Amino acid sequence: MATLILYSKPGCHLCEGLQEKLEQIQDPPIELEIRDITSRDDWFQAYQYEVPVLLKRENMVTDQWVETLLPRPAPRLSVEQLQRFLQKYL
């Protein structure tokens, strides 16, 4: 199962829309971790003008997590289109 990390902030309609669509995806199976950028200053400084930001988490040979930035999906993608988009990257 792939793990996706969504950096978002309260009141961000693009973030909420992407989260809603991601939660509906069945294939590929994903685990979704939501990170509120207002909860940590380093996240806020990095992503305040960029949310929503989507990353995938991978476990590399060194047993450390590696987070890879994914291209931003278009907000108007349907759930099915988002699913196909993710299949390219997962």
N, C-alpha and C. Protein backbone atom coordinates (compact mmCIF):
# COMPACT_ATOMS: atom_id res chain seq x y z
N MET A 1 0.85 -1.18 0.00
CA MET A 1 0.00 0.00 0.00
C MET A 1 0.89 1.24 0.00
N ALA A 2 0.57 2.16 -0.87
CA ALA A 2 1.32 3.40 -0.97
C ALA A 2 0.84 4.38 0.10
N THR A 3 1.76 5.17 0.61
CA THR A 3 1.41 6.23 1.55
C THR A 3 1.59 7.57 0.87
N LEU A 4 0.53 8.36 0.87
CA LEU A 4 0.57 9.72 0.34
C LEU A 4 0.46 10.70 1.50
N ILE A 5 1.18 11.78 1.39
CA ILE A 5 1.15 12.85 2.39
C ILE A 5 0.58 14.09 1.71
N LEU A 6 -0.46 14.63 2.30
CA LEU A 6 -1.09 15.83 1.77
C LEU A 6 -0.86 16.97 2.75
N TYR A 7 -0.08 17.96 2.33
CA TYR A 7 0.09 19.18 3.12
C TYR A 7 -1.07 20.10 2.76
N SER A 8 -1.79 20.54 3.79
CA SER A 8 -2.95 21.39 3.57
C SER A 8 -3.08 22.37 4.72
N LYS A 9 -4.10 23.22 4.63
CA LYS A 9 -4.39 24.14 5.73
C LYS A 9 -5.89 24.33 5.83
N PRO A 10 -6.37 24.64 7.02
CA PRO A 10 -7.81 24.84 7.20
C PRO A 10 -8.34 25.95 6.30
N GLY A 11 -9.52 25.70 5.72
CA GLY A 11 -10.15 26.69 4.87
C GLY A 11 -9.67 26.70 3.44
N CYS A 12 -8.76 25.81 3.09
CA CYS A 12 -8.25 25.73 1.72
C CYS A 12 -9.18 24.82 0.92
N HIS A 13 -9.96 25.39 0.02
CA HIS A 13 -10.92 24.60 -0.74
C HIS A 13 -10.24 23.63 -1.70
N LEU A 14 -9.09 24.02 -2.25
CA LEU A 14 -8.35 23.11 -3.12
C LEU A 14 -7.86 21.90 -2.32
N CYS A 15 -7.39 22.16 -1.10
CA CYS A 15 -6.92 21.07 -0.23
C CYS A 15 -8.06 20.13 0.12
N GLU A 16 -9.19 20.69 0.50
CA GLU A 16 -10.34 19.88 0.89
C GLU A 16 -10.85 19.05 -0.29
N GLY A 17 -10.87 19.65 -1.48
CA GLY A 17 -11.33 18.93 -2.66
C GLY A 17 -10.41 17.77 -3.01
N LEU A 18 -9.10 18.00 -2.94
CA LEU A 18 -8.15 16.94 -3.25
C LEU A 18 -8.23 15.83 -2.19
N GLN A 19 -8.34 16.20 -0.93
CA GLN A 19 -8.45 15.20 0.12
C GLN A 19 -9.69 14.33 -0.08
N GLU A 20 -10.80 14.95 -0.39
CA GLU A 20 -12.05 14.21 -0.61
C GLU A 20 -11.90 13.21 -1.75
N LYS A 21 -11.27 13.63 -2.83
CA LYS A 21 -11.08 12.73 -3.97
C LYS A 21 -10.10 11.61 -3.63
N LEU A 22 -9.01 11.94 -2.94
CA LEU A 22 -8.03 10.92 -2.56
C LEU A 22 -8.65 9.85 -1.66
N GLU A 23 -9.54 10.26 -0.78
CA GLU A 23 -10.18 9.32 0.13
C GLU A 23 -11.10 8.35 -0.60
N GLN A 24 -11.50 8.67 -1.82
CA GLN A 24 -12.39 7.80 -2.59
C GLN A 24 -11.63 6.80 -3.46
N ILE A 25 -10.33 6.97 -3.60
CA ILE A 25 -9.55 6.11 -4.50
C ILE A 25 -9.35 4.74 -3.87
N GLN A 26 -9.66 3.71 -4.65
CA GLN A 26 -9.52 2.32 -4.20
C GLN A 26 -8.33 1.62 -4.84
N ASP A 27 -8.00 2.01 -6.08
CA ASP A 27 -6.93 1.34 -6.81
C ASP A 27 -6.08 2.37 -7.52
N PRO A 28 -4.85 2.54 -7.15
CA PRO A 28 -4.10 1.74 -6.20
C PRO A 28 -4.51 2.06 -4.77
N PRO A 29 -4.41 1.05 -3.88
CA PRO A 29 -4.75 1.32 -2.48
C PRO A 29 -3.74 2.30 -1.88
N ILE A 30 -4.25 3.30 -1.19
CA ILE A 30 -3.37 4.31 -0.60
C ILE A 30 -3.73 4.53 0.86
N GLU A 31 -2.72 4.90 1.61
CA GLU A 31 -2.90 5.39 2.96
C GLU A 31 -2.63 6.89 2.88
N LEU A 32 -3.53 7.68 3.41
CA LEU A 32 -3.43 9.14 3.28
C LEU A 32 -3.11 9.75 4.63
N GLU A 33 -2.02 10.49 4.68
CA GLU A 33 -1.64 11.23 5.88
C GLU A 33 -1.83 12.71 5.58
N ILE A 34 -2.63 13.37 6.41
CA ILE A 34 -2.89 14.81 6.24
C ILE A 34 -2.00 15.58 7.21
N ARG A 35 -1.28 16.54 6.69
CA ARG A 35 -0.43 17.40 7.53
C ARG A 35 -0.91 18.84 7.41
N ASP A 36 -1.37 19.37 8.53
CA ASP A 36 -1.84 20.76 8.60
C ASP A 36 -0.62 21.67 8.74
N ILE A 37 -0.37 22.48 7.72
CA ILE A 37 0.83 23.31 7.76
C ILE A 37 0.79 24.37 8.85
N THR A 38 -0.38 24.65 9.40
CA THR A 38 -0.45 25.65 10.47
C THR A 38 -0.03 25.07 11.81
N SER A 39 0.21 23.76 11.86
CA SER A 39 0.59 23.13 13.13
C SER A 39 2.10 23.14 13.37
N ARG A 40 2.89 23.44 12.35
CA ARG A 40 4.35 23.50 12.49
C ARG A 40 4.89 24.64 11.66
N ASP A 41 5.77 25.41 12.24
CA ASP A 41 6.32 26.57 11.55
C ASP A 41 7.14 26.18 10.32
N ASP A 42 7.90 25.08 10.39
CA ASP A 42 8.71 24.69 9.23
C ASP A 42 7.83 24.30 8.06
N TRP A 43 6.71 23.61 8.32
CA TRP A 43 5.78 23.26 7.24
C TRP A 43 5.14 24.52 6.67
N PHE A 44 4.77 25.43 7.57
CA PHE A 44 4.12 26.66 7.12
C PHE A 44 5.06 27.47 6.24
N GLN A 45 6.30 27.61 6.66
CA GLN A 45 7.28 28.37 5.87
C GLN A 45 7.52 27.72 4.51
N ALA A 46 7.53 26.41 4.46
CA ALA A 46 7.82 25.70 3.22
C ALA A 46 6.64 25.71 2.25
N TYR A 47 5.41 25.64 2.77
CA TYR A 47 4.27 25.39 1.90
C TYR A 47 3.14 26.41 1.96
N GLN A 48 3.34 27.54 2.63
CA GLN A 48 2.24 28.48 2.83
C GLN A 48 1.62 28.97 1.53
N TYR A 49 2.40 29.07 0.47
CA TYR A 49 1.87 29.56 -0.81
C TYR A 49 1.68 28.43 -1.82
N GLU A 50 1.90 27.20 -1.40
CA GLU A 50 1.91 26.08 -2.34
C GLU A 50 0.79 25.07 -2.14
N VAL A 51 0.11 25.06 -1.00
CA VAL A 51 -0.87 24.01 -0.73
C VAL A 51 -1.99 24.00 -1.76
N PRO A 52 -2.51 22.84 -2.09
CA PRO A 52 -2.16 21.54 -1.55
C PRO A 52 -0.88 20.99 -2.16
N VAL A 53 -0.09 20.32 -1.34
CA VAL A 53 1.15 19.68 -1.78
C VAL A 53 1.02 18.20 -1.50
N LEU A 54 1.35 17.39 -2.49
CA LEU A 54 1.20 15.94 -2.39
C LEU A 54 2.56 15.27 -2.55
N LEU A 55 2.88 14.39 -1.60
CA LEU A 55 4.12 13.62 -1.65
C LEU A 55 3.81 12.15 -1.47
N LYS A 56 4.73 11.31 -1.93
CA LYS A 56 4.62 9.88 -1.64
C LYS A 56 5.77 9.51 -0.72
N ARG A 57 5.48 8.61 0.18
CA ARG A 57 6.49 8.14 1.14
C ARG A 57 6.96 6.77 0.69
N GLU A 58 8.28 6.61 0.68
CA GLU A 58 8.86 5.34 0.30
C GLU A 58 9.90 4.94 1.33
N ASN A 59 10.01 3.65 1.58
CA ASN A 59 11.04 3.14 2.47
C ASN A 59 12.20 2.66 1.61
N MET A 60 13.31 3.29 1.77
CA MET A 60 14.47 2.94 0.96
C MET A 60 15.31 1.88 1.68
N VAL A 61 16.37 1.46 1.05
CA VAL A 61 17.23 0.39 1.56
C VAL A 61 17.80 0.72 2.93
N THR A 62 18.01 1.97 3.22
CA THR A 62 18.61 2.37 4.49
C THR A 62 17.62 2.37 5.65
N ASP A 63 16.40 1.90 5.41
CA ASP A 63 15.34 1.89 6.42
C ASP A 63 14.94 3.28 6.89
N GLN A 64 15.17 4.26 6.05
CA GLN A 64 14.70 5.61 6.34
C GLN A 64 13.63 5.97 5.33
N TRP A 65 12.64 6.74 5.78
CA TRP A 65 11.57 7.17 4.88
C TRP A 65 12.09 8.26 3.95
N VAL A 66 11.69 8.14 2.71
CA VAL A 66 12.00 9.17 1.72
C VAL A 66 10.67 9.70 1.21
N GLU A 67 10.53 11.01 1.23
CA GLU A 67 9.30 11.63 0.74
C GLU A 67 9.61 12.33 -0.58
N THR A 68 8.85 11.94 -1.61
CA THR A 68 9.07 12.46 -2.95
C THR A 68 7.88 13.31 -3.37
N LEU A 69 8.16 14.52 -3.80
CA LEU A 69 7.13 15.44 -4.25
C LEU A 69 6.50 14.93 -5.55
N LEU A 70 5.18 14.92 -5.60
CA LEU A 70 4.45 14.56 -6.81
C LEU A 70 3.99 15.84 -7.51
N PRO A 71 3.83 15.79 -8.82
CA PRO A 71 3.27 16.95 -9.51
C PRO A 71 1.87 17.26 -8.96
N ARG A 72 1.52 18.52 -8.98
CA ARG A 72 0.21 18.92 -8.47
C ARG A 72 -0.87 18.50 -9.46
N PRO A 73 -1.82 17.69 -9.01
CA PRO A 73 -2.93 17.32 -9.91
C PRO A 73 -3.86 18.51 -10.11
N ALA A 74 -4.42 18.60 -11.29
CA ALA A 74 -5.36 19.68 -11.59
C ALA A 74 -6.58 19.57 -10.69
N PRO A 75 -7.08 20.67 -10.15
CA PRO A 75 -8.23 20.63 -9.24
C PRO A 75 -9.50 20.08 -9.88
N ARG A 76 -9.61 20.17 -11.19
CA ARG A 76 -10.84 19.72 -11.86
C ARG A 76 -10.84 18.25 -12.24
N LEU A 77 -9.77 17.52 -11.89
CA LEU A 77 -9.74 16.10 -12.20
C LEU A 77 -10.87 15.38 -11.46
N SER A 78 -11.48 14.45 -12.13
CA SER A 78 -12.47 13.59 -11.47
C SER A 78 -11.70 12.57 -10.62
N VAL A 79 -12.41 11.83 -9.80
CA VAL A 79 -11.78 10.78 -9.00
C VAL A 79 -11.10 9.76 -9.91
N GLU A 80 -11.75 9.39 -11.00
CA GLU A 80 -11.19 8.42 -11.94
C GLU A 80 -9.92 8.96 -12.60
N GLN A 81 -9.94 10.23 -12.97
CA GLN A 81 -8.76 10.84 -13.58
C GLN A 81 -7.62 10.94 -12.57
N LEU A 82 -7.94 11.27 -11.33
CA LEU A 82 -6.93 11.34 -10.28
C LEU A 82 -6.34 9.96 -10.02
N GLN A 83 -7.17 8.95 -10.08
CA GLN A 83 -6.70 7.58 -9.90
C GLN A 83 -5.68 7.21 -10.98
N ARG A 84 -5.99 7.54 -12.23
CA ARG A 84 -5.05 7.27 -13.33
C ARG A 84 -3.77 8.08 -13.17
N PHE A 85 -3.91 9.32 -12.73
CA PHE A 85 -2.77 10.19 -12.46
C PHE A 85 -1.84 9.53 -11.44
N LEU A 86 -2.40 9.04 -10.36
CA LEU A 86 -1.61 8.42 -9.30
C LEU A 86 -0.94 7.13 -9.74
N GLN A 87 -1.61 6.38 -10.59
CA GLN A 87 -1.04 5.12 -11.06
C GLN A 87 0.28 5.33 -11.80
N LYS A 88 0.46 6.50 -12.36
CA LYS A 88 1.72 6.82 -13.05
C LYS A 88 2.87 6.99 -12.05
N TYR A 89 2.56 7.43 -10.85
CA TYR A 89 3.59 7.81 -9.89
C TYR A 89 3.77 6.84 -8.73
N LEU A 90 2.85 5.90 -8.58
CA LEU A 90 2.96 4.99 -7.44
C LEU A 90 3.43 3.61 -7.85
